[in-house]
């Protein structure tokens, strides 16, 4: 019975799960930010390449 009570009072597993959820949220936010930045950089480089390919007057 003491073992069961000590397992119920133990909060180490809950803390580990919370840290796991926080790190997963940070990872998702980082992936979204990097994807958006990647698209923006791609568009910028495409614009620069297009403008450089135009013949000068």
C-alpha atoms as a PDB file:
ATOM      1  CA  UNK A   1       0.000   0.000   0.000  1.00  0.00           C
ATOM      2  CA  UNK A   2       2.879   2.359   0.775  1.00  0.00           C
ATOM      3  CA  UNK A   3       4.306   1.832  -2.698  1.00  0.00           C
ATOM      4  CA  UNK A   4       0.995   2.773  -4.304  1.00  0.00           C
ATOM      5  CA  UNK A   5       0.724   5.935  -2.220  1.00  0.00           C
ATOM      6  CA  UNK A   6       4.299   6.931  -3.016  1.00  0.00           C
ATOM      7  CA  UNK A   7       3.632   6.424  -6.748  1.00  0.00           C
ATOM      8  CA  UNK A   8       0.546   8.630  -6.581  1.00  0.00           C
ATOM      9  CA  UNK A   9       2.462  11.413  -4.808  1.00  0.00           C
ATOM     10  CA  UNK A  10       5.442  11.210  -7.200  1.00  0.00           C
ATOM     11  CA  UNK A  11       5.338  14.134  -9.658  1.00  0.00           C
ATOM     12  CA  UNK A  12       8.583  13.467 -11.571  1.00  0.00           C
ATOM     13  CA  UNK A  13       6.784  11.876 -14.504  1.00  0.00           C
ATOM     14  CA  UNK A  14       4.349  14.776 -14.803  1.00  0.00           C
ATOM     15  CA  UNK A  15       7.235  17.246 -14.818  1.00  0.00           C
ATOM     16  CA  UNK A  16       9.012  15.295 -17.546  1.00  0.00           C
ATOM     17  CA  UNK A  17       5.852  15.294 -19.665  1.00  0.00           C
ATOM     18  CA  UNK A  18       5.455  19.054 -19.197  1.00  0.00           C
ATOM     19  CA  UNK A  19       9.042  19.660 -20.296  1.00  0.00           C
ATOM     20  CA  UNK A  20       8.466  17.404 -23.287  1.00  0.00           C
ATOM     21  CA  UNK A  21       5.361  19.337 -24.312  1.00  0.00           C
ATOM     22  CA  UNK A  22       7.145  22.675 -23.925  1.00  0.00           C
ATOM     23  CA  UNK A  23      10.088  21.513 -26.041  1.00  0.00           C
ATOM     24  CA  UNK A  24       7.706  20.161 -28.707  1.00  0.00           C
ATOM     25  CA  UNK A  25       5.907  23.523 -28.826  1.00  0.00           C
ATOM     26  CA  UNK A  26       9.223  25.361 -29.201  1.00  0.00           C
ATOM     27  CA  UNK A  27      10.260  22.976 -31.987  1.00  0.00           C
ATOM     28  CA  UNK A  28       6.999  23.533 -33.890  1.00  0.00           C
ATOM     29  CA  UNK A  29       7.347  27.311 -33.535  1.00  0.00           C
ATOM     30  CA  UNK A  30      10.944  27.157 -34.788  1.00  0.00           C
ATOM     31  CA  UNK A  31       9.965  25.036 -37.804  1.00  0.00           C
ATOM     32  CA  UNK A  32       7.146  27.431 -38.734  1.00  0.00           C
ATOM     33  CA  UNK A  33       9.426  30.458 -38.390  1.00  0.00           C
ATOM     34  CA  UNK A  34      12.218  28.875 -40.437  1.00  0.00           C
ATOM     35  CA  UNK A  35       9.796  27.799 -43.160  1.00  0.00           C
ATOM     36  CA  UNK A  36       8.376  31.319 -43.435  1.00  0.00           C
ATOM     37  CA  UNK A  37      11.871  32.810 -43.476  1.00  0.00           C
ATOM     38  CA  UNK A  38      12.912  30.295 -46.138  1.00  0.00           C
ATOM     39  CA  UNK A  39      10.055  31.308 -48.430  1.00  0.00           C
ATOM     40  CA  UNK A  40      10.826  34.994 -47.916  1.00  0.00           C
ATOM     41  CA  UNK A  41      14.509  34.482 -48.713  1.00  0.00           C
ATOM     42  CA  UNK A  42      13.653  32.422 -51.767  1.00  0.00           C
ATOM     43  CA  UNK A  43      11.402  35.179 -53.090  1.00  0.00           C
ATOM     44  CA  UNK A  44      14.075  37.796 -52.416  1.00  0.00           C
ATOM     45  CA  UNK A  45      16.783  35.851 -54.254  1.00  0.00           C
ATOM     46  CA  UNK A  46      14.412  35.192 -57.170  1.00  0.00           C
ATOM     47  CA  UNK A  47      13.691  38.923 -57.458  1.00  0.00           C
ATOM     48  CA  UNK A  48      17.397  39.767 -57.363  1.00  0.00           C
ATOM     49  CA  UNK A  49      18.199  37.108 -59.977  1.00  0.00           C
ATOM     50  CA  UNK A  50      15.421  38.377 -62.253  1.00  0.00           C
ATOM     51  CA  UNK A  51      16.609  41.976 -61.965  1.00  0.00           C
ATOM     52  CA  UNK A  52      20.216  40.992 -62.655  1.00  0.00           C
ATOM     53  CA  UNK A  53      19.182  39.038 -65.768  1.00  0.00           C
ATOM     54  CA  UNK A  54      17.482  42.062 -67.339  1.00  0.00           C
ATOM     55  CA  UNK A  55      19.678  43.827 -69.915  1.00  0.00           C
ATOM     56  CA  UNK A  56      20.917  47.232 -68.809  1.00  0.00           C
ATOM     57  CA  UNK A  57      19.914  50.306 -70.791  1.00  0.00           C
END
